[in-house]
Amino acid sequence: MSPSASLLTPDTLDREAAALYESATWQRIVTDWTAAASPTTAPAPDAPPDTERWRALLSVPVDRLVADALDALPPPLPAERRLPGRLGAVLPDRLHAWRRVGQPELRPSVHLGYARLVLTEWGWQNAPYKLRDARGARCVCGALLAAHRLGYGSATTMNEAAAWIMAELRSRGWRDLIGPWNRAPGRTAADALALLDATIHRAAHAGH
């Protein structure tokens, strides 16, 4: 059984994300998204000309076209300055528990957006085996945990967000966990933010 979110550390979250990513169900999700995102092949010889394919759209109701277009858009990033200030970064996470009351569920891509805010507003750090440093800066997994404990997404959403980070890292050829990537020599805060940006795009366009 997975530990409760209150007992999770960045390293346990990292291991749980790897287990979720490697599960058959998650591999099917990643495979389906990869196939859908791949460039289309050249049309078959008997395919209708582009003009005829365009005309076929006229038979689709406008409201359906609009709905499909809106569904394809990534969710907006959370509004700026939604986090507690710098003092909130160094306070024990249990003092933020009240923020979870009444909060709606989020998609993993939106949860990742809040984790990105944690890194930009509270700072990024790459010290091993630490949730945060003395200034309150977080590693990538620590930012996911902080976002969850601030009320942005359930523990399940947080785990799925971490699994999407694993999917992004695997697409780049990284075969280890998120933590070792975060503390690899030469890693920077800009690298961490770029990773989250790419993962937000990947998850959002997969409908997550």
N, C-alpha and C. Protein backbone atom coordinates (compact mmCIF):
# COMPACT_ATOMS: atom_id res chain seq x y z
N MET A 1 0.85 -1.19 0.00
CA MET A 1 0.00 0.00 0.00
C MET A 1 0.89 1.25 0.00
N SER A 2 0.50 2.21 -0.78
CA SER A 2 1.28 3.44 -0.86
C SER A 2 1.15 4.21 0.44
N PRO A 3 2.22 4.90 0.87
CA PRO A 3 2.12 5.72 2.06
C PRO A 3 1.18 6.88 1.81
N SER A 4 0.60 7.41 2.90
CA SER A 4 -0.30 8.55 2.74
C SER A 4 0.50 9.74 2.23
N ALA A 5 -0.20 10.69 1.62
CA ALA A 5 0.48 11.85 1.04
C ALA A 5 1.24 12.63 2.09
N SER A 6 0.73 12.62 3.34
CA SER A 6 1.40 13.37 4.39
C SER A 6 2.75 12.77 4.75
N LEU A 7 2.94 11.47 4.46
CA LEU A 7 4.20 10.80 4.78
C LEU A 7 5.12 10.69 3.58
N LEU A 8 4.65 11.06 2.42
CA LEU A 8 5.47 10.96 1.22
C LEU A 8 6.68 11.88 1.28
N THR A 9 7.76 11.42 0.68
CA THR A 9 8.94 12.25 0.47
C THR A 9 9.17 12.32 -1.03
N PRO A 10 10.00 13.23 -1.50
CA PRO A 10 10.29 13.26 -2.94
C PRO A 10 10.76 11.91 -3.48
N ASP A 11 11.55 11.18 -2.69
CA ASP A 11 12.06 9.90 -3.19
C ASP A 11 10.98 8.83 -3.27
N THR A 12 10.06 8.78 -2.29
CA THR A 12 9.00 7.79 -2.38
C THR A 12 8.03 8.15 -3.52
N LEU A 13 7.77 9.43 -3.70
CA LEU A 13 6.95 9.85 -4.84
C LEU A 13 7.62 9.45 -6.14
N ASP A 14 8.93 9.62 -6.22
CA ASP A 14 9.69 9.27 -7.41
C ASP A 14 9.53 7.78 -7.73
N ARG A 15 9.65 6.93 -6.72
CA ARG A 15 9.53 5.50 -6.95
C ARG A 15 8.11 5.11 -7.34
N GLU A 16 7.12 5.75 -6.69
CA GLU A 16 5.74 5.45 -7.05
C GLU A 16 5.43 5.89 -8.48
N ALA A 17 5.99 7.02 -8.89
CA ALA A 17 5.77 7.50 -10.26
C ALA A 17 6.37 6.52 -11.26
N ALA A 18 7.55 5.98 -10.95
CA ALA A 18 8.19 5.02 -11.85
C ALA A 18 7.34 3.75 -11.96
N ALA A 19 6.80 3.28 -10.82
CA ALA A 19 5.96 2.09 -10.84
C ALA A 19 4.70 2.33 -11.65
N LEU A 20 4.09 3.51 -11.49
CA LEU A 20 2.89 3.83 -12.26
C LEU A 20 3.22 3.92 -13.74
N TYR A 21 4.32 4.58 -14.08
CA TYR A 21 4.70 4.73 -15.48
C TYR A 21 4.91 3.37 -16.14
N GLU A 22 5.50 2.44 -15.40
CA GLU A 22 5.82 1.13 -15.97
C GLU A 22 4.64 0.18 -15.99
N SER A 23 3.52 0.55 -15.39
CA SER A 23 2.34 -0.32 -15.40
C SER A 23 1.77 -0.44 -16.80
N ALA A 24 1.09 -1.55 -17.04
CA ALA A 24 0.54 -1.80 -18.37
C ALA A 24 -0.48 -0.74 -18.77
N THR A 25 -1.31 -0.31 -17.80
CA THR A 25 -2.33 0.70 -18.10
C THR A 25 -1.68 2.00 -18.54
N TRP A 26 -0.64 2.42 -17.82
CA TRP A 26 0.02 3.69 -18.17
C TRP A 26 0.75 3.58 -19.50
N GLN A 27 1.36 2.44 -19.76
CA GLN A 27 2.05 2.27 -21.03
C GLN A 27 1.07 2.37 -22.20
N ARG A 28 -0.15 1.90 -21.98
CA ARG A 28 -1.17 2.02 -23.02
C ARG A 28 -1.52 3.50 -23.25
N ILE A 29 -1.63 4.27 -22.17
CA ILE A 29 -1.92 5.70 -22.29
C ILE A 29 -0.82 6.39 -23.08
N VAL A 30 0.45 6.10 -22.73
CA VAL A 30 1.58 6.74 -23.40
C VAL A 30 1.64 6.32 -24.86
N THR A 31 1.41 5.03 -25.12
CA THR A 31 1.45 4.54 -26.50
C THR A 31 0.37 5.19 -27.35
N ASP A 32 -0.85 5.29 -26.80
CA ASP A 32 -1.95 5.90 -27.54
C ASP A 32 -1.65 7.37 -27.84
N TRP A 33 -1.08 8.08 -26.84
CA TRP A 33 -0.78 9.50 -27.05
C TRP A 33 0.32 9.66 -28.09
N THR A 34 1.35 8.82 -28.02
CA THR A 34 2.45 8.91 -28.97
C THR A 34 1.96 8.67 -30.39
N ALA A 35 1.07 7.68 -30.55
CA ALA A 35 0.54 7.39 -31.88
C ALA A 35 -0.29 8.55 -32.40
N ALA A 36 -1.08 9.15 -31.51
CA ALA A 36 -1.92 10.28 -31.92
C ALA A 36 -1.10 11.51 -32.24
N ALA A 37 0.05 11.67 -31.56
CA ALA A 37 0.87 12.87 -31.75
C ALA A 37 1.84 12.74 -32.91
N SER A 38 2.00 11.51 -33.45
CA SER A 38 2.95 11.32 -34.54
C SER A 38 2.48 12.03 -35.79
N PRO A 39 3.42 12.55 -36.62
CA PRO A 39 3.03 13.19 -37.87
C PRO A 39 2.27 12.22 -38.75
N THR A 40 1.26 12.71 -39.41
CA THR A 40 0.49 11.85 -40.29
C THR A 40 1.30 11.47 -41.50
N THR A 41 1.04 10.28 -41.98
CA THR A 41 1.74 9.82 -43.18
C THR A 41 1.11 10.43 -44.41
N ALA A 42 1.78 10.26 -45.53
CA ALA A 42 1.25 10.80 -46.78
C ALA A 42 -0.08 10.15 -47.10
N PRO A 43 -1.02 10.88 -47.66
CA PRO A 43 -2.34 10.31 -47.96
C PRO A 43 -2.24 9.17 -48.97
N ALA A 44 -3.14 8.22 -48.82
CA ALA A 44 -3.17 7.10 -49.76
C ALA A 44 -3.50 7.59 -51.16
N PRO A 45 -3.11 6.81 -52.18
CA PRO A 45 -3.35 7.26 -53.56
C PRO A 45 -4.82 7.54 -53.85
N ASP A 46 -5.73 6.76 -53.19
CA ASP A 46 -7.15 6.97 -53.49
C ASP A 46 -7.82 7.93 -52.51
N ALA A 47 -7.01 8.62 -51.68
CA ALA A 47 -7.60 9.57 -50.72
C ALA A 47 -8.14 10.77 -51.48
N PRO A 48 -9.23 11.36 -50.97
CA PRO A 48 -9.80 12.53 -51.66
C PRO A 48 -8.86 13.72 -51.58
N PRO A 49 -8.90 14.60 -52.57
CA PRO A 49 -8.06 15.79 -52.53
C PRO A 49 -8.34 16.62 -51.29
N ASP A 50 -7.38 17.48 -50.93
CA ASP A 50 -7.54 18.33 -49.75
C ASP A 50 -8.83 19.13 -49.80
N THR A 51 -9.19 19.61 -51.00
CA THR A 51 -10.41 20.43 -51.10
C THR A 51 -11.63 19.63 -50.70
N GLU A 52 -11.68 18.36 -51.13
CA GLU A 52 -12.84 17.55 -50.80
C GLU A 52 -12.87 17.23 -49.31
N ARG A 53 -11.68 16.98 -48.71
CA ARG A 53 -11.66 16.72 -47.27
C ARG A 53 -12.13 17.96 -46.50
N TRP A 54 -11.75 19.14 -46.98
CA TRP A 54 -12.19 20.37 -46.33
C TRP A 54 -13.70 20.52 -46.44
N ARG A 55 -14.25 20.20 -47.63
CA ARG A 55 -15.70 20.33 -47.82
C ARG A 55 -16.46 19.36 -46.91
N ALA A 56 -15.83 18.21 -46.59
CA ALA A 56 -16.50 17.25 -45.73
C ALA A 56 -16.75 17.83 -44.35
N LEU A 57 -15.93 18.79 -43.93
CA LEU A 57 -16.12 19.42 -42.63
C LEU A 57 -17.43 20.20 -42.56
N LEU A 58 -17.95 20.61 -43.73
CA LEU A 58 -19.17 21.40 -43.74
C LEU A 58 -20.36 20.60 -43.23
N SER A 59 -20.26 19.26 -43.24
CA SER A 59 -21.36 18.44 -42.75
C SER A 59 -21.35 18.31 -41.22
N VAL A 60 -20.26 18.80 -40.58
CA VAL A 60 -20.16 18.73 -39.13
C VAL A 60 -20.74 20.01 -38.53
N PRO A 61 -21.64 19.90 -37.54
CA PRO A 61 -22.22 21.11 -36.93
C PRO A 61 -21.13 22.02 -36.36
N VAL A 62 -21.36 23.31 -36.46
CA VAL A 62 -20.37 24.29 -36.00
C VAL A 62 -20.06 24.11 -34.51
N ASP A 63 -21.11 23.86 -33.71
CA ASP A 63 -20.86 23.72 -32.27
C ASP A 63 -19.96 22.53 -31.97
N ARG A 64 -20.06 21.48 -32.80
CA ARG A 64 -19.17 20.32 -32.62
C ARG A 64 -17.73 20.69 -32.97
N LEU A 65 -17.54 21.45 -34.04
CA LEU A 65 -16.20 21.88 -34.43
C LEU A 65 -15.58 22.75 -33.34
N VAL A 66 -16.38 23.66 -32.78
CA VAL A 66 -15.88 24.54 -31.73
C VAL A 66 -15.51 23.72 -30.49
N ALA A 67 -16.38 22.77 -30.12
CA ALA A 67 -16.11 21.94 -28.94
C ALA A 67 -14.84 21.13 -29.12
N ASP A 68 -14.67 20.55 -30.33
CA ASP A 68 -13.45 19.77 -30.59
C ASP A 68 -12.21 20.64 -30.51
N ALA A 69 -12.31 21.86 -31.03
CA ALA A 69 -11.17 22.77 -31.00
C ALA A 69 -10.82 23.16 -29.57
N LEU A 70 -11.84 23.43 -28.75
CA LEU A 70 -11.60 23.80 -27.36
C LEU A 70 -11.00 22.64 -26.57
N ASP A 71 -11.48 21.41 -26.87
CA ASP A 71 -10.95 20.24 -26.17
C ASP A 71 -9.48 20.03 -26.48
N ALA A 72 -9.05 20.46 -27.67
CA ALA A 72 -7.66 20.25 -28.08
C ALA A 72 -6.71 21.26 -27.45
N LEU A 73 -7.26 22.34 -26.90
CA LEU A 73 -6.41 23.37 -26.32
C LEU A 73 -5.89 22.92 -24.96
N PRO A 74 -4.63 23.22 -24.65
CA PRO A 74 -4.13 22.90 -23.31
C PRO A 74 -4.78 23.80 -22.29
N PRO A 75 -4.93 23.32 -21.05
CA PRO A 75 -5.54 24.17 -20.02
C PRO A 75 -4.65 25.35 -19.71
N PRO A 76 -5.23 26.48 -19.33
CA PRO A 76 -4.40 27.65 -19.00
C PRO A 76 -3.59 27.38 -17.75
N LEU A 77 -2.41 27.95 -17.70
CA LEU A 77 -1.60 27.84 -16.50
C LEU A 77 -2.29 28.58 -15.36
N PRO A 78 -2.08 28.13 -14.13
CA PRO A 78 -2.73 28.81 -13.01
C PRO A 78 -2.32 30.27 -12.93
N ALA A 79 -3.21 31.08 -12.38
CA ALA A 79 -2.94 32.51 -12.26
C ALA A 79 -1.71 32.74 -11.38
N GLU A 80 -0.97 33.77 -11.71
CA GLU A 80 0.23 34.07 -10.93
C GLU A 80 -0.13 34.49 -9.51
N ARG A 81 0.83 34.32 -8.61
CA ARG A 81 0.73 34.73 -7.20
C ARG A 81 -0.42 34.03 -6.49
N ARG A 82 -0.67 32.76 -6.80
CA ARG A 82 -1.68 32.01 -6.07
C ARG A 82 -1.08 31.30 -4.87
N LEU A 83 0.26 31.27 -4.75
CA LEU A 83 0.91 30.58 -3.64
C LEU A 83 1.09 31.51 -2.45
N PRO A 84 1.26 30.93 -1.25
CA PRO A 84 1.65 31.78 -0.11
C PRO A 84 2.99 32.43 -0.42
N GLY A 85 3.32 33.47 0.31
CA GLY A 85 4.58 34.18 0.06
C GLY A 85 5.80 33.38 0.48
N ARG A 86 6.92 34.08 0.55
CA ARG A 86 8.18 33.42 0.87
C ARG A 86 8.13 32.75 2.23
N LEU A 87 7.39 33.31 3.18
CA LEU A 87 7.28 32.67 4.49
C LEU A 87 6.62 31.31 4.36
N GLY A 88 5.62 31.23 3.47
CA GLY A 88 4.94 29.96 3.27
C GLY A 88 5.86 28.87 2.75
N ALA A 89 6.92 29.26 2.08
CA ALA A 89 7.86 28.27 1.52
C ALA A 89 8.61 27.52 2.60
N VAL A 90 8.87 28.17 3.71
CA VAL A 90 9.68 27.54 4.76
C VAL A 90 8.84 26.98 5.90
N LEU A 91 7.54 27.28 5.93
CA LEU A 91 6.68 26.73 6.97
C LEU A 91 6.48 25.23 6.76
N PRO A 92 6.27 24.46 7.83
CA PRO A 92 5.95 23.03 7.67
C PRO A 92 4.70 22.85 6.82
N ASP A 93 4.71 21.84 5.98
CA ASP A 93 3.59 21.64 5.06
C ASP A 93 2.27 21.42 5.79
N ARG A 94 2.30 20.83 6.99
CA ARG A 94 1.05 20.56 7.70
C ARG A 94 0.27 21.85 8.01
N LEU A 95 0.97 22.98 8.06
CA LEU A 95 0.29 24.24 8.33
C LEU A 95 -0.50 24.75 7.13
N HIS A 96 -0.30 24.12 5.98
CA HIS A 96 -1.05 24.51 4.77
C HIS A 96 -2.24 23.58 4.52
N ALA A 97 -2.46 22.61 5.43
CA ALA A 97 -3.47 21.58 5.19
C ALA A 97 -4.86 22.17 4.96
N TRP A 98 -5.19 23.28 5.63
CA TRP A 98 -6.52 23.87 5.50
C TRP A 98 -6.81 24.30 4.07
N ARG A 99 -5.77 24.53 3.28
CA ARG A 99 -5.97 24.97 1.90
C ARG A 99 -6.61 23.89 1.04
N ARG A 100 -6.57 22.64 1.48
CA ARG A 100 -7.15 21.56 0.70
C ARG A 100 -8.67 21.52 0.81
N VAL A 101 -9.22 22.13 1.85
CA VAL A 101 -10.66 22.04 2.10
C VAL A 101 -11.44 22.67 0.94
N GLY A 102 -12.33 21.86 0.37
CA GLY A 102 -13.21 22.37 -0.69
C GLY A 102 -12.55 22.59 -2.03
N GLN A 103 -11.30 22.18 -2.19
CA GLN A 103 -10.63 22.40 -3.47
C GLN A 103 -11.11 21.37 -4.50
N PRO A 104 -11.41 21.79 -5.73
CA PRO A 104 -11.84 20.85 -6.76
C PRO A 104 -10.67 20.00 -7.26
N GLU A 105 -11.01 18.88 -7.87
CA GLU A 105 -9.97 18.04 -8.47
C GLU A 105 -9.42 18.72 -9.72
N LEU A 106 -8.18 18.42 -10.06
CA LEU A 106 -7.51 19.02 -11.21
C LEU A 106 -7.00 17.95 -12.14
N ARG A 107 -6.75 18.33 -13.37
CA ARG A 107 -6.05 17.43 -14.29
C ARG A 107 -4.56 17.47 -13.97
N PRO A 108 -3.82 16.39 -14.26
CA PRO A 108 -2.38 16.38 -14.00
C PRO A 108 -1.64 17.56 -14.63
N SER A 109 -2.04 17.98 -15.83
CA SER A 109 -1.35 19.09 -16.48
C SER A 109 -1.49 20.38 -15.68
N VAL A 110 -2.66 20.57 -15.04
CA VAL A 110 -2.87 21.77 -14.23
C VAL A 110 -2.07 21.67 -12.94
N HIS A 111 -2.05 20.47 -12.35
CA HIS A 111 -1.23 20.26 -11.16
C HIS A 111 0.24 20.58 -11.47
N LEU A 112 0.71 20.16 -12.63
CA LEU A 112 2.08 20.46 -13.05
C LEU A 112 2.30 21.96 -13.17
N GLY A 113 1.26 22.69 -13.58
CA GLY A 113 1.37 24.14 -13.67
C GLY A 113 1.59 24.76 -12.30
N TYR A 114 0.91 24.23 -11.28
CA TYR A 114 1.13 24.74 -9.93
C TYR A 114 2.50 24.36 -9.40
N ALA A 115 2.96 23.15 -9.74
CA ALA A 115 4.32 22.76 -9.35
C ALA A 115 5.34 23.70 -9.98
N ARG A 116 5.06 24.13 -11.20
CA ARG A 116 5.96 25.09 -11.85
C ARG A 116 5.98 26.41 -11.08
N LEU A 117 4.81 26.83 -10.60
CA LEU A 117 4.77 28.06 -9.80
C LEU A 117 5.58 27.91 -8.52
N VAL A 118 5.53 26.72 -7.92
CA VAL A 118 6.33 26.48 -6.72
C VAL A 118 7.81 26.70 -7.02
N LEU A 119 8.27 26.17 -8.16
CA LEU A 119 9.69 26.33 -8.50
C LEU A 119 10.04 27.77 -8.84
N THR A 120 9.14 28.49 -9.51
CA THR A 120 9.47 29.86 -9.89
C THR A 120 9.37 30.83 -8.71
N GLU A 121 8.42 30.58 -7.81
CA GLU A 121 8.23 31.52 -6.71
C GLU A 121 9.01 31.14 -5.45
N TRP A 122 9.18 29.85 -5.21
CA TRP A 122 9.87 29.41 -4.00
C TRP A 122 11.30 28.96 -4.29
N GLY A 123 11.61 28.70 -5.55
CA GLY A 123 12.97 28.34 -5.91
C GLY A 123 13.15 26.85 -6.16
N TRP A 124 14.22 26.53 -6.88
CA TRP A 124 14.57 25.15 -7.22
C TRP A 124 15.87 24.78 -6.50
N GLN A 125 15.98 23.53 -6.07
CA GLN A 125 17.21 23.06 -5.45
C GLN A 125 17.48 21.62 -5.91
N ASN A 126 18.72 21.21 -5.82
CA ASN A 126 19.07 19.86 -6.28
C ASN A 126 19.85 19.06 -5.24
N ALA A 127 19.67 19.41 -3.96
CA ALA A 127 20.31 18.62 -2.91
C ALA A 127 19.59 17.28 -2.78
N PRO A 128 20.32 16.16 -2.70
CA PRO A 128 19.66 14.85 -2.63
C PRO A 128 18.95 14.63 -1.30
N TYR A 129 17.83 13.90 -1.37
CA TYR A 129 17.10 13.42 -0.20
C TYR A 129 16.57 14.54 0.70
N LYS A 130 16.31 15.70 0.12
CA LYS A 130 15.74 16.79 0.91
C LYS A 130 14.49 17.32 0.20
N LEU A 131 13.43 17.49 0.99
CA LEU A 131 12.21 18.06 0.42
C LEU A 131 12.44 19.50 0.00
N ARG A 132 13.23 20.24 0.80
CA ARG A 132 13.48 21.65 0.51
C ARG A 132 14.75 22.07 1.24
N ASP A 133 15.29 23.20 0.82
CA ASP A 133 16.46 23.71 1.52
C ASP A 133 16.03 24.76 2.54
N ALA A 134 17.00 25.44 3.15
CA ALA A 134 16.69 26.39 4.22
C ALA A 134 15.84 27.55 3.72
N ARG A 135 15.92 27.87 2.44
CA ARG A 135 15.14 28.98 1.88
C ARG A 135 13.74 28.53 1.44
N GLY A 136 13.49 27.21 1.48
CA GLY A 136 12.20 26.71 1.05
C GLY A 136 12.16 26.27 -0.39
N ALA A 137 13.30 26.27 -1.08
CA ALA A 137 13.35 25.84 -2.47
C ALA A 137 13.12 24.34 -2.56
N ARG A 138 12.47 23.89 -3.61
CA ARG A 138 12.12 22.49 -3.81
C ARG A 138 12.82 21.88 -5.02
N CYS A 139 12.96 20.55 -4.99
CA CYS A 139 13.34 19.81 -6.19
C CYS A 139 12.06 19.61 -7.02
N VAL A 140 12.17 18.93 -8.17
CA VAL A 140 10.99 18.74 -9.02
C VAL A 140 9.92 17.94 -8.29
N CYS A 141 10.30 16.80 -7.70
CA CYS A 141 9.30 16.00 -6.97
C CYS A 141 8.80 16.75 -5.75
N GLY A 142 9.67 17.51 -5.10
CA GLY A 142 9.25 18.32 -3.96
C GLY A 142 8.22 19.36 -4.36
N ALA A 143 8.35 19.91 -5.56
CA ALA A 143 7.37 20.89 -6.05
C ALA A 143 6.02 20.24 -6.28
N LEU A 144 6.01 19.00 -6.78
CA LEU A 144 4.74 18.28 -6.95
C LEU A 144 4.08 18.04 -5.60
N LEU A 145 4.88 17.63 -4.63
CA LEU A 145 4.36 17.40 -3.28
C LEU A 145 3.82 18.70 -2.68
N ALA A 146 4.57 19.77 -2.84
CA ALA A 146 4.14 21.06 -2.28
C ALA A 146 2.82 21.50 -2.90
N ALA A 147 2.69 21.36 -4.22
CA ALA A 147 1.45 21.75 -4.89
C ALA A 147 0.27 20.96 -4.35
N HIS A 148 0.47 19.66 -4.17
CA HIS A 148 -0.60 18.82 -3.62
C HIS A 148 -0.97 19.25 -2.20
N ARG A 149 0.03 19.47 -1.37
CA ARG A 149 -0.23 19.82 0.03
C ARG A 149 -0.83 21.22 0.17
N LEU A 150 -0.67 22.04 -0.86
CA LEU A 150 -1.31 23.35 -0.87
C LEU A 150 -2.75 23.28 -1.38
N GLY A 151 -3.20 22.08 -1.77
CA GLY A 151 -4.59 21.90 -2.18
C GLY A 151 -4.81 21.81 -3.67
N TYR A 152 -3.73 21.73 -4.46
CA TYR A 152 -3.88 21.70 -5.91
C TYR A 152 -3.75 20.28 -6.43
N GLY A 153 -4.85 19.53 -6.36
CA GLY A 153 -4.87 18.18 -6.88
C GLY A 153 -4.72 17.13 -5.80
N SER A 154 -5.35 15.97 -6.04
CA SER A 154 -5.30 14.86 -5.09
C SER A 154 -3.96 14.14 -5.18
N ALA A 155 -3.75 13.17 -4.27
CA ALA A 155 -2.53 12.38 -4.30
C ALA A 155 -2.46 11.58 -5.61
N THR A 156 -3.62 11.11 -6.09
CA THR A 156 -3.64 10.38 -7.36
C THR A 156 -3.20 11.28 -8.52
N THR A 157 -3.72 12.51 -8.53
CA THR A 157 -3.33 13.46 -9.57
C THR A 157 -1.83 13.74 -9.51
N MET A 158 -1.31 13.91 -8.31
CA MET A 158 0.12 14.16 -8.14
C MET A 158 0.95 13.00 -8.70
N ASN A 159 0.55 11.77 -8.40
CA ASN A 159 1.27 10.61 -8.92
C ASN A 159 1.22 10.55 -10.44
N GLU A 160 0.05 10.87 -11.00
CA GLU A 160 -0.07 10.87 -12.45
C GLU A 160 0.78 11.97 -13.07
N ALA A 161 0.83 13.13 -12.42
CA ALA A 161 1.68 14.22 -12.92
C ALA A 161 3.14 13.78 -12.94
N ALA A 162 3.57 13.08 -11.88
CA ALA A 162 4.95 12.59 -11.84
C ALA A 162 5.19 11.55 -12.92
N ALA A 163 4.18 10.71 -13.18
CA ALA A 163 4.33 9.71 -14.24
C ALA A 163 4.45 10.37 -15.61
N TRP A 164 3.75 11.50 -15.81
CA TRP A 164 3.91 12.22 -17.08
C TRP A 164 5.33 12.80 -17.19
N ILE A 165 5.92 13.21 -16.06
CA ILE A 165 7.32 13.65 -16.12
C ILE A 165 8.20 12.49 -16.52
N MET A 166 7.93 11.29 -15.99
CA MET A 166 8.70 10.11 -16.39
C MET A 166 8.57 9.87 -17.90
N ALA A 167 7.35 10.04 -18.42
CA ALA A 167 7.13 9.85 -19.85
C ALA A 167 7.97 10.84 -20.66
N GLU A 168 8.01 12.09 -20.21
CA GLU A 168 8.80 13.10 -20.92
C GLU A 168 10.29 12.76 -20.85
N LEU A 169 10.76 12.35 -19.67
CA LEU A 169 12.18 11.99 -19.54
C LEU A 169 12.54 10.79 -20.39
N ARG A 170 11.65 9.80 -20.44
CA ARG A 170 11.92 8.62 -21.28
C ARG A 170 12.00 9.02 -22.75
N SER A 171 11.17 9.97 -23.15
CA SER A 171 11.21 10.41 -24.56
C SER A 171 12.53 11.09 -24.89
N ARG A 172 13.24 11.57 -23.86
CA ARG A 172 14.54 12.22 -24.06
C ARG A 172 15.70 11.26 -23.88
N GLY A 173 15.38 9.99 -23.60
CA GLY A 173 16.43 9.00 -23.43
C GLY A 173 16.92 8.82 -22.02
N TRP A 174 16.31 9.50 -21.03
CA TRP A 174 16.73 9.36 -19.63
C TRP A 174 16.07 8.11 -19.06
N ARG A 175 16.85 7.18 -18.52
CA ARG A 175 16.34 5.90 -18.06
C ARG A 175 16.27 5.77 -16.55
N ASP A 176 16.69 6.78 -15.83
CA ASP A 176 16.68 6.74 -14.37
C ASP A 176 15.43 7.45 -13.85
N LEU A 177 15.37 7.66 -12.54
CA LEU A 177 14.23 8.32 -11.91
C LEU A 177 14.34 9.84 -12.05
N ILE A 178 13.31 10.54 -11.55
CA ILE A 178 13.28 12.00 -11.64
C ILE A 178 14.35 12.62 -10.75
N GLY A 179 14.51 12.08 -9.54
CA GLY A 179 15.47 12.63 -8.59
C GLY A 179 16.89 12.69 -9.13
N PRO A 180 17.41 11.57 -9.66
CA PRO A 180 18.75 11.63 -10.25
C PRO A 180 18.86 12.63 -11.40
N TRP A 181 17.79 12.78 -12.17
CA TRP A 181 17.81 13.80 -13.23
C TRP A 181 17.92 15.17 -12.60
N ASN A 182 17.13 15.42 -11.54
CA ASN A 182 17.10 16.73 -10.90
C ASN A 182 18.47 17.12 -10.33
N ARG A 183 19.22 16.15 -9.82
CA ARG A 183 20.50 16.47 -9.18
C ARG A 183 21.71 16.06 -10.02
N ALA A 184 21.50 15.83 -11.32
CA ALA A 184 22.62 15.52 -12.20
C ALA A 184 23.57 16.72 -12.27
N PRO A 185 24.87 16.47 -12.37
CA PRO A 185 25.83 17.59 -12.46
C PRO A 185 25.48 18.53 -13.61
N GLY A 186 25.52 19.80 -13.32
CA GLY A 186 25.25 20.80 -14.35
C GLY A 186 23.79 21.14 -14.54
N ARG A 187 22.89 20.44 -13.80
CA ARG A 187 21.46 20.72 -13.95
C ARG A 187 21.16 22.12 -13.40
N THR A 188 20.22 22.83 -14.03
CA THR A 188 19.89 24.19 -13.61
C THR A 188 18.38 24.32 -13.38
N ALA A 189 18.02 25.43 -12.76
CA ALA A 189 16.60 25.72 -12.56
C ALA A 189 15.89 25.87 -13.90
N ALA A 190 16.57 26.45 -14.88
CA ALA A 190 15.97 26.60 -16.21
C ALA A 190 15.66 25.23 -16.81
N ASP A 191 16.55 24.26 -16.59
CA ASP A 191 16.30 22.90 -17.08
C ASP A 191 15.04 22.32 -16.44
N ALA A 192 14.90 22.53 -15.13
CA ALA A 192 13.74 22.00 -14.42
C ALA A 192 12.44 22.62 -14.93
N LEU A 193 12.45 23.93 -15.15
CA LEU A 193 11.26 24.60 -15.66
C LEU A 193 10.93 24.16 -17.08
N ALA A 194 11.96 23.98 -17.89
CA ALA A 194 11.75 23.52 -19.27
C ALA A 194 11.16 22.11 -19.27
N LEU A 195 11.61 21.26 -18.34
CA LEU A 195 11.06 19.91 -18.23
C LEU A 195 9.58 19.97 -17.89
N LEU A 196 9.21 20.81 -16.93
CA LEU A 196 7.80 20.92 -16.57
C LEU A 196 6.98 21.50 -17.71
N ASP A 197 7.52 22.48 -18.42
CA ASP A 197 6.79 23.05 -19.56
C ASP A 197 6.49 21.99 -20.60
N ALA A 198 7.51 21.18 -20.93
CA ALA A 198 7.33 20.13 -21.93
C ALA A 198 6.34 19.08 -21.43
N THR A 199 6.39 18.76 -20.14
CA THR A 199 5.48 17.76 -19.59
C THR A 199 4.05 18.27 -19.56
N ILE A 200 3.87 19.55 -19.23
CA ILE A 200 2.52 20.15 -19.24
C ILE A 200 1.93 20.03 -20.65
N HIS A 201 2.73 20.36 -21.64
CA HIS A 201 2.26 20.27 -23.03
C HIS A 201 1.90 18.82 -23.38
N ARG A 202 2.75 17.87 -23.00
CA ARG A 202 2.52 16.46 -23.31
C ARG A 202 1.23 15.97 -22.66
N ALA A 203 1.07 16.24 -21.35
CA ALA A 203 -0.11 15.75 -20.64
C ALA A 203 -1.39 16.42 -21.13
N ALA A 204 -1.32 17.74 -21.35
CA ALA A 204 -2.52 18.47 -21.78
C ALA A 204 -3.00 17.98 -23.14
N HIS A 205 -2.09 17.77 -24.06
CA HIS A 205 -2.50 17.34 -25.39
C HIS A 205 -2.92 15.89 -25.43
N ALA A 206 -2.64 15.15 -24.36
CA ALA A 206 -3.16 13.78 -24.24
C ALA A 206 -4.51 13.79 -23.51
N GLY A 207 -5.02 14.98 -23.18
CA GLY A 207 -6.30 15.08 -22.50
C GLY A 207 -6.20 14.92 -20.99
N HIS A 208 -4.99 15.00 -20.48
CA HIS A 208 -4.79 14.84 -19.04
C HIS A 208 -4.31 16.13 -18.41
